[in-house]
Amino acid sequence: MSDLDLRLQLVTFQLGLERYGIDIMDVKEIYGLQDVRPIPNAPKYIEGIFNLRGDIIPVINLHKRFQITKAHLTEEEELLSGFIIIKLGSSQIGVIIDKVLRVVTVESNRIQPPPQMISGIGAQYIQGVYQEEDGGYLILLDINRLFNPEELQQIHSLT
């Protein structure tokens, strides 16, 4: 196995006070804030839908889903707010983020199992935790577990 097999590239972002990462292979693109059309009678964590070059994308608010307080950002930092468009099978979902950070490469053997609870997001949604060089940590989300099959069906039926 080569050293490249032991590395993982992550798109990192801030949500509330925490830093999160998603495997870059699960990210279609990062998109700046857009107007989202609300959907009547949708679950409260579904902000609505928006049109991305002809594709209707449902937009999920993880702040509402996991009761996370929105980060307090400066005007300059707000320019880095928006959506991460993630690929879930043949579907795409927009996830609202407070601020995009950067793409990082991490060594997969340094990813530790998740603790039982981190800032409102339960361990079942977390792939692991990566200790960063600066002493902080990065929470790796498992996008395939963020929504159960019923929720995914409901999200896609709204679009």
Protein backbone atom coordinates (compact mmCIF):
# COMPACT_ATOMS: atom_id res chain seq x y z
CA MET A 1 0.00 0.00 0.00
CA SER A 2 1.43 3.39 -0.96
CA ASP A 3 1.48 6.51 1.21
CA LEU A 4 -1.23 7.96 -1.05
CA ASP A 5 -3.60 5.17 -0.02
CA LEU A 6 -3.27 6.30 3.59
CA ARG A 7 -4.32 9.89 2.87
CA LEU A 8 -7.73 11.44 2.58
CA GLN A 9 -8.59 14.82 1.09
CA LEU A 10 -11.28 16.72 2.96
CA VAL A 11 -13.29 19.83 2.24
CA THR A 12 -13.39 21.61 5.61
CA PHE A 13 -15.92 24.11 6.87
CA GLN A 14 -17.20 25.77 10.00
CA LEU A 15 -20.64 25.04 11.40
CA GLY A 16 -21.30 26.79 14.68
CA LEU A 17 -18.14 26.68 16.78
CA GLU A 18 -16.79 23.45 15.29
CA ARG A 19 -14.75 22.58 12.20
CA TYR A 20 -16.00 19.74 10.04
CA GLY A 21 -14.66 17.82 7.07
CA ILE A 22 -16.27 15.88 4.25
CA ASP A 23 -14.42 13.58 1.87
CA ILE A 24 -13.71 15.63 -1.26
CA MET A 25 -15.05 12.76 -3.39
CA ASP A 26 -18.52 13.34 -1.85
CA VAL A 27 -18.52 17.05 -2.74
CA LYS A 28 -19.81 18.19 -6.11
CA GLU A 29 -19.09 21.87 -5.53
CA ILE A 30 -19.13 24.74 -3.10
CA TYR A 31 -21.58 27.49 -3.88
CA GLY A 32 -22.03 30.97 -2.42
CA LEU A 33 -25.22 32.00 -0.67
CA GLN A 34 -28.27 32.02 -2.93
CA ASP A 35 -31.93 32.73 -2.53
CA VAL A 36 -33.70 29.54 -1.58
CA ARG A 37 -37.37 29.01 -2.36
CA PRO A 38 -39.14 27.70 0.75
CA ILE A 39 -41.28 24.58 0.50
CA PRO A 40 -44.60 24.64 2.40
CA ASN A 41 -45.06 21.87 4.99
CA ALA A 42 -41.45 20.68 4.69
CA PRO A 43 -39.59 19.57 7.83
CA LYS A 44 -38.10 22.60 9.60
CA TYR A 45 -34.51 21.64 8.75
CA ILE A 46 -35.24 21.82 5.00
CA GLU A 47 -34.65 25.43 3.99
CA GLY A 48 -36.11 24.90 0.53
CA ILE A 49 -34.84 24.41 -2.99
CA PHE A 50 -32.73 26.32 -5.49
CA ASN A 51 -31.92 25.97 -9.16
CA LEU A 52 -28.31 25.11 -9.95
CA ARG A 53 -27.83 25.23 -13.72
CA GLY A 54 -31.14 23.46 -14.34
CA ASP A 55 -30.92 21.00 -11.43
CA ILE A 56 -33.32 21.51 -8.52
CA ILE A 57 -31.28 21.10 -5.33
CA PRO A 58 -32.89 20.65 -1.89
CA VAL A 59 -31.14 22.72 0.76
CA ILE A 60 -30.68 21.38 4.28
CA ASN A 61 -29.92 23.49 7.33
CA LEU A 62 -27.76 21.41 9.69
CA HIS A 63 -28.05 24.16 12.33
CA LYS A 64 -31.76 23.37 12.60
CA ARG A 65 -31.34 19.63 12.17
CA PHE A 66 -28.86 19.32 15.05
CA GLN A 67 -29.74 22.44 17.09
CA ILE A 68 -26.36 24.08 16.43
CA THR A 69 -26.02 27.81 17.04
CA LYS A 70 -24.97 29.71 13.93
CA ALA A 71 -21.42 31.08 14.07
CA HIS A 72 -20.94 34.80 14.60
CA LEU A 73 -19.02 35.93 11.54
CA THR A 74 -17.47 39.20 10.49
CA GLU A 75 -18.65 40.80 7.28
CA GLU A 76 -15.53 39.50 5.55
CA GLU A 77 -16.06 35.96 6.85
CA GLU A 78 -19.69 36.00 5.64
CA LEU A 79 -18.32 36.11 2.09
CA LEU A 80 -17.19 32.52 2.72
CA SER A 81 -20.71 31.37 3.70
CA GLY A 82 -22.82 29.28 1.39
CA PHE A 83 -23.67 25.70 0.48
CA ILE A 84 -21.69 22.57 -0.04
CA ILE A 85 -23.38 20.49 -2.72
CA ILE A 86 -22.90 16.86 -1.71
CA LYS A 87 -23.49 13.73 -3.76
CA LEU A 88 -25.64 11.07 -2.15
CA GLY A 89 -25.86 8.24 -4.65
CA SER A 90 -27.53 9.68 -7.74
CA SER A 91 -28.87 12.69 -5.84
CA GLN A 92 -27.47 16.04 -4.81
CA ILE A 93 -28.23 17.98 -1.62
CA GLY A 94 -27.12 21.44 -0.61
CA VAL A 95 -25.93 21.77 2.98
CA ILE A 96 -25.74 25.26 4.48
CA ILE A 97 -22.38 26.05 6.09
CA ASP A 98 -21.27 29.04 8.12
CA LYS A 99 -17.90 29.34 6.41
CA VAL A 100 -15.85 27.26 3.99
CA LEU A 101 -12.30 26.80 5.26
CA ARG A 102 -10.00 24.86 2.91
CA VAL A 103 -9.16 21.50 1.42
CA VAL A 104 -6.78 19.51 3.60
CA THR A 105 -5.02 16.19 3.22
CA VAL A 106 -5.03 14.03 6.34
CA GLU A 107 -3.41 10.74 7.18
CA SER A 108 -6.19 8.20 7.58
CA ASN A 109 -4.31 6.29 10.31
CA ARG A 110 -4.54 9.43 12.50
CA ILE A 111 -8.36 9.51 12.35
CA GLN A 112 -9.78 8.40 15.69
CA PRO A 113 -13.23 6.95 16.39
CA PRO A 114 -15.83 9.56 17.33
CA PRO A 115 -16.70 10.27 20.94
CA GLN A 116 -20.33 9.65 21.86
CA MET A 117 -21.41 13.30 21.53
CA ILE A 118 -19.85 16.33 19.88
CA SER A 119 -21.65 19.68 19.89
CA GLY A 120 -25.11 18.29 19.27
CA ILE A 121 -24.16 15.92 16.44
CA GLY A 122 -24.26 12.34 17.63
CA ALA A 123 -21.53 9.79 17.00
CA GLN A 124 -23.71 7.94 14.48
CA TYR A 125 -23.22 10.82 12.01
CA ILE A 126 -19.47 11.09 12.48
CA GLN A 127 -16.85 9.06 10.64
CA GLY A 128 -14.08 10.10 13.01
CA VAL A 129 -12.07 12.90 14.57
CA TYR A 130 -8.72 14.14 13.30
CA GLN A 131 -6.29 15.87 15.67
CA GLU A 132 -4.79 18.84 13.81
CA GLU A 133 -1.26 20.16 14.14
CA ASP A 134 -2.48 23.34 15.90
CA GLY A 135 -4.02 21.28 18.71
CA GLY A 136 -7.58 21.65 17.43
CA TYR A 137 -9.63 18.87 15.95
CA LEU A 138 -11.60 18.29 12.80
CA ILE A 139 -14.84 16.31 12.87
CA LEU A 140 -15.26 14.07 9.81
CA LEU A 141 -18.93 13.77 8.86
CA ASP A 142 -20.29 10.58 7.35
CA ILE A 143 -22.64 12.07 4.76
CA ASN A 144 -24.24 8.69 4.09
CA ARG A 145 -25.57 8.62 7.65
CA LEU A 146 -26.76 12.25 7.96
CA PHE A 147 -30.21 11.24 6.74
CA ASN A 148 -32.05 7.97 7.09
CA PRO A 149 -33.71 6.46 3.98
CA GLU A 150 -37.14 7.84 4.95
CA GLU A 151 -35.76 11.36 5.29
CA LEU A 152 -33.97 11.10 1.96
CA GLN A 153 -37.18 9.94 0.31
CA GLN A 154 -39.06 12.87 1.85
CA ILE A 155 -36.38 15.35 0.76
CA HIS A 156 -36.43 14.09 -2.82
CA SER A 157 -40.21 13.98 -3.00
CA LEU A 158 -40.26 17.71 -2.20
CA THR A 159 -38.16 18.51 -5.26
